[in-house]
């Protein structure tokens, strides 16, 4: 596990003027591995104001613990070593079947 990962969740906070604003709060920081999935499918492409852009899909591998099991698809992950943001796409899964690590699918890019 060689990457420092921070998992964040959206929260709503008062803006001081009677309104609300959305912010990101730290859920947990963990060491993990980032694996870029090599796939050229339509799911990797998104339409934005400038045209079609690629959002690479990654697989995150983290230790299996209470905090990582609570990660949801509404959260984001930040690669602290490279300042890369990733939108969580799936709940953590034990794909190795040994209970030691969890795998999470995410897309690189700014959170929506």
Foldseek 3Di string as FASTA:
>chain_A
DAWKKWKWAWDWDDPVPPDIDIDIDTLDIFDWDKAWDDDDDPVQWDQDPVGIDGWTKIKIKTFDDPSLQPDAQRMWMARVVVRWIWGWDHGWDDPVPPNTMTITMTTTDDDD
